[in-house]
Every structure is written in C-alpha cells, then in structure tokens.
Amino acid sequence: MTDFLIEDAQAPRAIKGRSLWEDARRRLMRNPAAVVSLYVVALLVLIAIFGPMLWVHKYDEIFRDSVGIAPTFENMHLLGTDTEGRDMVARVIAGLGISLLVGACATAVSLTIGVLYGAIAGFAGGIVDDLMMRFVDVMYSIPFVFFVIVLMTVVQLDSPELNLVLVFCAIGAVEWLTMSRIVRGQTIALRRKEFVEAARASGAKPIQIVLRHIVPNVLGPVVVFATLNIPVIILAESFLSFIGLGVQEPLSSLGSLLARGMGQMQAPWMLIAPAVTMLITLLALNFLGDGLRDALDPKER
C-alpha cells in the first residue's frame, strides 16, 4: 500500500471569472438587432474611410457632358449626377464620411467636457456642486439651435475645413449638458464607496480620485450615452446644413445633400440616395445604442 503525500496532490485549478465587460459583450452578442447594427455601422465606417479612395470618381469632379443625368452604368454613374455634373455615389460617400466625422468628433468634445464637469461637481458636493449645476440649468434654458446658429453666424471662416471644425466644436459645446448630469448622478452614488475611501486614506488628491477611480467606474453609462448621442448630433448637423449653416461647399454632408435634393424634385435620385443612406445610418446607430444599453445595464431592460 503506497503512502499518499499531501505534496503529491494536485492543487485545484483556479477558476477564471468573467469580467463585467466580458458579460456585457456576451449579452450584446445575444441581441440580433444590435449585432446586425454593429456590422452595418462597421461597414458604413469602412465605406466612409476607404470609399473615396476606391471609387472611380472624386466628390468634387465635374462632368460637363453629364449634368443631372439619372442613374446609369455609363461612365459608372450608378446613382446619377447632380445639377452641376458631380457623381452622386462619390458625393454620398463623402457626405457619409463628413456626417460620421461630425458625430464622432462632436461626441468626443461633449464627453470630454461633460464627464470632467459632472465628475468634479458630483465629487465636490456642497456649494461647488450647486453653483456648477445652476450654470448647467442656465445653459439648458438657452435653445440649442439658437446658440449654434448664433455661433456659426458670428464666426465667419473662409476655409471649408475650418468651418467643419467649427461645426463639431459648436455642437459639442452644448451637447455636454446632459452628459454632465448623468456623470454627476453616478459620481454622487460612488463617492462614498469603499474604494474611494481607501484612496482618500492612502493620501490621493481629489483630482487623482476623480480621474483614476470615479471616471473609470462611470464608463458604462458614458458609452451608452455616446452611442445614442451620435445620431442626435448627426441630425443636428444635418439640420444646420439643411438651412445653410453647416458644412460648406465643396464639402458635403448628408444634410446638405438632402437640402440640394429637396430643391431638385425633377431629379429624385438626388434626394433618395442621401435620404436612404441617412436612414440606414441612424437606424443602425440607434439599434446599436439600445443594444449597448441593455448589455451594460441589463436592469434597465
């Protein structure tokens, strides 16, 4: 009979648990609408990035002998041309890229301001919190469109590229208000947690606690808000371009293409192509945002 030594026994294998982000990813992958929307958004982004390089025509190339023609395979004008002789496929691809760029950049601006502002207000509390949030209330009382229109009218830029930067800075500068309120509420719930008290006891400064401990723990609602906010910003930019205060020629966004198409009803392809593209983009982003909301916070379903 052989002796059994304790040292000979195999140590039990540690069971590797799943992180909250892994659980969220699994829940997202079980949502068919969100998965399809994710692929559609990825495809749209790839088209916006590589489409201008791969398509045979440039967005500002003018064909004098093909002005306002209907969709045709001749010379690869698959969606026709506009009233100036520019290929509509190239214009729609360029407009999609501009709209997605404005949505992403304006969302980045709003998140940077809103997350820091809300986290500082919620962590500081007291009179600092009251003053900061009263400023947000005052900003809420100013109509969003009025503020952006005044800014776009007062600041006149000759370069279309600089005007584009002004567009997403102007939109992002007012879209941070809701984000600041969301982050403030989350911060108030977190500031008395054990890990924050431990950071205080270890001598961490308030700004270090906010940046290293508070902000990383509010990323779930931030990601959800960012995804749902992109289509809102795209619609806002489209409205500004529709009334002539957004993206300027020769650049184009989906909103400016819709505005031009509305004025050319004898050429319906100029309206249908950007309208369908915007519809697909907004639907995909909204379904993806809903899926992320359910995945990151399943209690809200």
Protein backbone atom coordinates (compact mmCIF):
# COMPACT_ATOMS: atom_id res chain seq x y z
CA MET A 1 0.00 0.00 0.00
CA THR A 2 1.58 3.19 -1.14
CA ASP A 3 1.77 6.23 1.03
CA PHE A 4 -0.13 9.29 -0.18
CA LEU A 5 1.67 12.50 0.45
CA ILE A 6 -0.10 15.85 0.64
CA GLU A 7 2.62 17.32 -1.53
CA ASP A 8 1.73 14.87 -4.31
CA ALA A 9 -1.85 16.09 -4.53
CA GLN A 10 -2.51 18.44 -7.38
CA ALA A 11 -3.52 21.91 -6.38
CA PRO A 12 -7.04 22.79 -7.54
CA ARG A 13 -7.09 24.93 -10.63
CA ALA A 14 -8.24 28.46 -10.14
CA ILE A 15 -11.46 29.19 -11.97
CA LYS A 16 -11.06 32.28 -14.06
CA GLY A 17 -14.10 34.50 -13.71
CA ARG A 18 -15.53 36.75 -16.39
CA SER A 19 -15.22 40.48 -16.11
CA LEU A 20 -18.22 42.79 -16.28
CA TRP A 21 -17.11 43.89 -19.76
CA GLU A 22 -16.98 40.26 -20.91
CA ASP A 23 -20.50 39.69 -19.56
CA ALA A 24 -21.65 42.82 -21.38
CA ARG A 25 -20.07 41.59 -24.62
CA ARG A 26 -21.85 38.23 -24.31
CA ARG A 27 -25.19 39.93 -23.69
CA LEU A 28 -24.61 42.21 -26.67
CA MET A 29 -23.81 39.25 -28.92
CA ARG A 30 -27.13 37.62 -27.92
CA ASN A 31 -29.04 40.64 -29.26
CA PRO A 32 -29.60 40.00 -33.01
CA ALA A 33 -30.63 43.58 -33.81
CA ALA A 34 -27.58 45.01 -32.04
CA VAL A 35 -25.21 42.56 -33.74
CA VAL A 36 -26.58 43.33 -37.20
CA SER A 37 -26.41 47.06 -36.42
CA LEU A 38 -22.81 46.68 -35.27
CA TYR A 39 -21.85 45.12 -38.59
CA VAL A 40 -23.80 47.76 -40.52
CA VAL A 41 -22.07 50.58 -38.62
CA ALA A 42 -18.67 48.95 -39.20
CA LEU A 43 -19.46 48.64 -42.91
CA LEU A 44 -20.54 52.28 -43.11
CA VAL A 45 -17.35 53.41 -41.39
CA LEU A 46 -15.24 51.36 -43.81
CA ILE A 47 -17.13 52.83 -46.77
CA ALA A 48 -16.64 56.35 -45.41
CA ILE A 49 -12.89 55.79 -44.90
CA PHE A 50 -11.92 53.79 -47.98
CA GLY A 51 -14.76 54.63 -50.36
CA PRO A 52 -13.29 57.93 -51.62
CA MET A 53 -10.01 56.14 -52.41
CA LEU A 54 -11.61 53.17 -54.17
CA TRP A 55 -14.42 54.83 -56.13
CA VAL A 56 -13.64 55.81 -59.70
CA HIS A 57 -14.84 59.42 -59.36
CA LYS A 58 -13.92 62.21 -56.95
CA TYR A 59 -16.60 64.01 -54.96
CA ASP A 60 -15.70 67.39 -56.49
CA GLU A 61 -15.06 66.17 -60.06
CA ILE A 62 -17.40 67.85 -62.56
CA PHE A 63 -18.60 66.11 -65.75
CA ARG A 64 -19.77 68.85 -68.09
CA ASP A 65 -21.34 66.38 -70.51
CA SER A 66 -23.27 64.51 -67.77
CA VAL A 67 -25.19 67.16 -65.85
CA GLY A 68 -28.23 65.99 -63.93
CA ILE A 69 -28.42 62.53 -65.52
CA ALA A 70 -30.38 59.66 -63.98
CA PRO A 71 -28.65 56.56 -62.56
CA THR A 72 -26.84 54.70 -65.32
CA PHE A 73 -23.98 52.26 -65.83
CA GLU A 74 -22.47 54.59 -68.41
CA ASN A 75 -19.25 56.07 -67.02
CA MET A 76 -20.15 54.39 -63.69
CA HIS A 77 -22.68 56.99 -62.59
CA LEU A 78 -24.62 54.38 -60.62
CA LEU A 79 -26.66 56.97 -58.69
CA GLY A 80 -26.67 59.58 -61.41
CA THR A 81 -25.16 63.06 -61.17
CA ASP A 82 -26.27 66.31 -59.57
CA THR A 83 -27.17 69.53 -61.33
CA GLU A 84 -23.51 70.51 -61.51
CA GLY A 85 -22.37 67.24 -63.07
CA ARG A 86 -20.82 65.64 -59.97
CA ASP A 87 -21.16 61.89 -59.38
CA MET A 88 -23.76 61.14 -56.70
CA VAL A 89 -22.07 57.97 -55.44
CA ALA A 90 -18.92 59.96 -54.67
CA ARG A 91 -20.99 62.76 -53.11
CA VAL A 92 -22.96 60.37 -50.89
CA ILE A 93 -19.79 58.58 -49.74
CA ALA A 94 -18.16 61.92 -48.93
CA GLY A 95 -21.33 63.12 -47.18
CA LEU A 96 -21.50 59.92 -45.11
CA GLY A 97 -17.90 60.41 -44.03
CA ILE A 98 -18.47 64.04 -43.05
CA SER A 99 -21.65 63.20 -41.09
CA LEU A 100 -19.95 60.35 -39.20
CA LEU A 101 -16.90 62.53 -38.54
CA VAL A 102 -19.04 65.35 -37.15
CA GLY A 103 -20.98 62.88 -35.00
CA ALA A 104 -17.83 61.25 -33.60
CA CYS A 105 -15.85 64.47 -33.04
CA ALA A 106 -18.75 66.41 -31.52
CA THR A 107 -19.49 63.45 -29.23
CA ALA A 108 -15.83 63.36 -28.17
CA VAL A 109 -15.95 67.08 -27.36
CA SER A 110 -19.19 66.73 -25.39
CA LEU A 111 -17.93 63.68 -23.46
CA THR A 112 -14.63 65.34 -22.56
CA ILE A 113 -16.38 68.38 -21.14
CA GLY A 114 -19.41 66.59 -19.68
CA VAL A 115 -17.56 63.75 -17.93
CA LEU A 116 -15.00 66.00 -16.26
CA TYR A 117 -17.55 68.66 -15.34
CA GLY A 118 -20.07 66.18 -13.92
CA ALA A 119 -17.46 64.14 -12.05
CA ILE A 120 -15.95 67.24 -10.40
CA ALA A 121 -19.37 68.61 -9.46
CA GLY A 122 -20.59 65.32 -8.00
CA PHE A 123 -17.37 64.61 -6.10
CA ALA A 124 -17.01 68.13 -4.67
CA GLY A 125 -20.62 68.41 -3.50
CA GLY A 126 -21.93 71.27 -1.40
CA ILE A 127 -21.91 74.82 -2.74
CA VAL A 128 -19.48 73.91 -5.55
CA ASP A 129 -21.93 71.33 -6.85
CA ASP A 130 -24.84 73.78 -6.53
CA LEU A 131 -23.06 76.54 -8.45
CA MET A 132 -21.84 74.23 -11.20
CA MET A 133 -25.25 72.66 -11.76
CA ARG A 134 -27.03 76.01 -11.70
CA PHE A 135 -24.76 77.01 -14.58
CA VAL A 136 -25.91 73.88 -16.40
CA ASP A 137 -29.54 74.86 -15.75
CA VAL A 138 -28.90 78.31 -17.22
CA MET A 139 -27.31 76.74 -20.31
CA TYR A 140 -30.31 74.43 -20.64
CA SER A 141 -32.60 77.46 -20.81
CA ILE A 142 -30.83 78.67 -23.97
CA PRO A 143 -32.28 76.99 -27.09
CA PHE A 144 -29.67 74.66 -28.54
CA VAL A 145 -30.30 75.53 -32.18
CA PHE A 146 -30.33 79.27 -31.41
CA PHE A 147 -26.94 79.06 -29.70
CA VAL A 148 -25.32 77.11 -32.54
CA ILE A 149 -26.85 79.33 -35.22
CA VAL A 150 -25.58 82.48 -33.48
CA LEU A 151 -22.10 80.98 -33.12
CA MET A 152 -21.99 79.84 -36.76
CA THR A 153 -23.21 83.26 -37.92
CA VAL A 154 -20.84 85.36 -35.78
CA VAL A 155 -17.70 83.30 -36.55
CA GLN A 156 -17.14 83.54 -40.29
CA LEU A 157 -14.43 81.26 -41.71
CA ASP A 158 -13.35 81.20 -45.34
CA SER A 159 -11.92 77.66 -45.29
CA PRO A 160 -14.46 74.80 -45.58
CA GLU A 161 -12.19 72.62 -43.43
CA LEU A 162 -12.02 75.19 -40.62
CA ASN A 163 -15.77 75.67 -40.89
CA LEU A 164 -16.19 71.91 -40.43
CA VAL A 165 -14.09 72.05 -37.25
CA LEU A 166 -16.28 74.91 -36.02
CA VAL A 167 -19.41 72.82 -36.67
CA PHE A 168 -18.49 69.93 -34.42
CA CYS A 169 -16.97 72.23 -31.79
CA ALA A 170 -20.20 74.28 -31.72
CA ILE A 171 -22.42 71.20 -31.44
CA GLY A 172 -20.17 69.50 -28.88
CA ALA A 173 -20.04 72.67 -26.79
CA VAL A 174 -23.76 72.40 -25.99
CA GLU A 175 -24.28 68.62 -26.11
CA TRP A 176 -22.25 68.08 -22.91
CA LEU A 177 -25.01 69.31 -20.61
CA THR A 178 -26.93 66.03 -20.40
CA MET A 179 -23.71 64.06 -20.04
CA SER A 180 -22.63 66.19 -17.08
CA ARG A 181 -25.90 65.45 -15.26
CA ILE A 182 -25.57 61.71 -15.89
CA VAL A 183 -21.98 61.60 -14.64
CA ARG A 184 -22.80 63.78 -11.63
CA GLY A 185 -25.52 61.38 -10.51
CA GLN A 186 -23.22 58.38 -10.92
CA THR A 187 -20.42 60.18 -9.05
CA ILE A 188 -22.66 61.02 -6.09
CA ALA A 189 -23.51 57.31 -5.82
CA LEU A 190 -19.83 56.31 -5.98
CA ARG A 191 -18.07 58.92 -3.84
CA ARG A 192 -18.88 57.13 -0.55
CA LYS A 193 -17.85 53.68 -1.78
CA GLU A 194 -15.08 51.74 -0.06
CA PHE A 195 -12.56 52.07 -2.89
CA VAL A 196 -12.92 55.87 -2.83
CA GLU A 197 -12.46 55.97 0.95
CA ALA A 198 -9.40 53.73 0.57
CA ALA A 199 -7.95 56.12 -2.00
CA ARG A 200 -8.55 59.03 0.38
CA ALA A 201 -6.88 57.15 3.23
CA SER A 202 -3.85 56.44 1.05
CA GLY A 203 -3.37 60.17 0.52
CA ALA A 204 -4.63 60.51 -3.04
CA LYS A 205 -5.57 64.03 -4.11
CA PRO A 206 -9.19 64.76 -5.09
CA ILE A 207 -8.33 65.20 -8.78
CA GLN A 208 -6.50 61.86 -8.73
CA ILE A 209 -9.52 60.16 -7.17
CA VAL A 210 -11.79 61.66 -9.82
CA LEU A 211 -9.59 60.67 -12.76
CA ARG A 212 -8.37 57.27 -11.55
CA HIS A 213 -11.32 55.93 -9.58
CA ILE A 214 -14.54 57.81 -10.36
CA VAL A 215 -14.32 58.30 -14.14
CA PRO A 216 -13.40 54.65 -14.98
CA ASN A 217 -16.41 53.45 -12.98
CA VAL A 218 -18.92 55.59 -14.89
CA LEU A 219 -17.78 54.45 -18.35
CA GLY A 220 -20.81 52.16 -18.79
CA PRO A 221 -23.43 54.95 -18.92
CA VAL A 222 -20.95 57.13 -20.81
CA VAL A 223 -20.53 54.57 -23.60
CA VAL A 224 -24.29 54.11 -23.88
CA PHE A 225 -24.90 57.86 -24.00
CA ALA A 226 -22.16 58.37 -26.58
CA THR A 227 -23.64 55.74 -28.90
CA LEU A 228 -27.14 57.17 -28.60
CA ASN A 229 -25.84 60.75 -28.91
CA ILE A 230 -24.07 60.27 -32.25
CA PRO A 231 -27.31 60.01 -34.29
CA VAL A 232 -28.68 63.04 -32.42
CA ILE A 233 -25.61 65.05 -33.41
CA ILE A 234 -25.80 63.81 -36.99
CA LEU A 235 -29.40 65.03 -37.15
CA ALA A 236 -28.39 68.38 -35.63
CA GLU A 237 -25.62 68.83 -38.17
CA SER A 238 -27.96 67.79 -40.97
CA PHE A 239 -30.45 70.44 -39.86
CA LEU A 240 -27.73 73.12 -39.82
CA SER A 241 -26.54 72.05 -43.27
CA PHE A 242 -30.15 71.94 -44.47
CA ILE A 243 -30.61 75.62 -43.61
CA GLY A 244 -27.18 76.55 -44.99
CA LEU A 245 -25.22 76.99 -41.74
CA GLY A 246 -23.39 73.67 -41.62
CA VAL A 247 -20.83 72.12 -43.93
CA GLN A 248 -19.91 74.40 -46.82
CA GLU A 249 -19.08 73.58 -50.44
CA PRO A 250 -17.16 71.83 -51.89
CA LEU A 251 -17.52 69.58 -48.84
CA SER A 252 -20.90 67.97 -48.31
CA SER A 253 -22.74 66.15 -45.57
CA LEU A 254 -25.88 64.06 -45.80
CA GLY A 255 -27.86 67.08 -44.61
CA SER A 256 -26.52 69.38 -47.31
CA LEU A 257 -27.17 66.70 -49.94
CA LEU A 258 -30.76 66.42 -48.71
CA ALA A 259 -31.15 70.19 -48.95
CA ARG A 260 -29.93 70.19 -52.55
CA GLY A 261 -32.14 67.21 -53.39
CA MET A 262 -35.23 68.91 -51.97
CA GLY A 263 -34.71 71.77 -54.40
CA GLN A 264 -34.39 69.46 -57.41
CA MET A 265 -37.55 67.38 -57.41
CA GLN A 266 -37.19 66.80 -61.15
CA ALA A 267 -34.12 64.70 -60.22
CA PRO A 268 -35.43 62.45 -57.40
CA TRP A 269 -32.21 60.40 -57.24
CA MET A 270 -30.50 63.44 -55.71
CA LEU A 271 -32.88 63.15 -52.73
CA ILE A 272 -33.39 59.38 -52.49
CA ALA A 273 -29.70 58.38 -52.28
CA PRO A 274 -28.70 60.59 -49.29
CA ALA A 275 -32.08 60.02 -47.60
CA VAL A 276 -31.71 56.21 -47.69
CA THR A 277 -28.10 56.48 -46.52
CA MET A 278 -29.08 58.66 -43.57
CA LEU A 279 -31.99 56.37 -42.69
CA ILE A 280 -29.75 53.29 -42.60
CA THR A 281 -27.08 55.13 -40.59
CA LEU A 282 -29.48 56.47 -37.96
CA LEU A 283 -31.35 53.18 -37.58
CA ALA A 284 -28.12 51.21 -37.16
CA LEU A 285 -26.72 53.63 -34.59
CA ASN A 286 -29.96 53.69 -32.59
CA PHE A 287 -30.31 49.89 -32.55
CA LEU A 288 -26.65 49.59 -31.53
CA GLY A 289 -27.15 52.13 -28.76
CA ASP A 290 -30.20 50.26 -27.45
CA GLY A 291 -28.22 47.01 -27.50
CA LEU A 292 -25.33 48.56 -25.60
CA ARG A 293 -27.73 49.99 -23.03
CA ASP A 294 -29.25 46.55 -22.43
CA ALA A 295 -25.83 44.89 -22.34
CA LEU A 296 -24.13 47.32 -19.99
CA ASP A 297 -27.11 47.80 -17.67
CA PRO A 298 -29.47 44.80 -18.00
CA LYS A 299 -31.59 46.07 -15.06
CA GLU A 300 -32.83 48.88 -17.31
CA ARG A 301 -34.42 46.49 -19.83
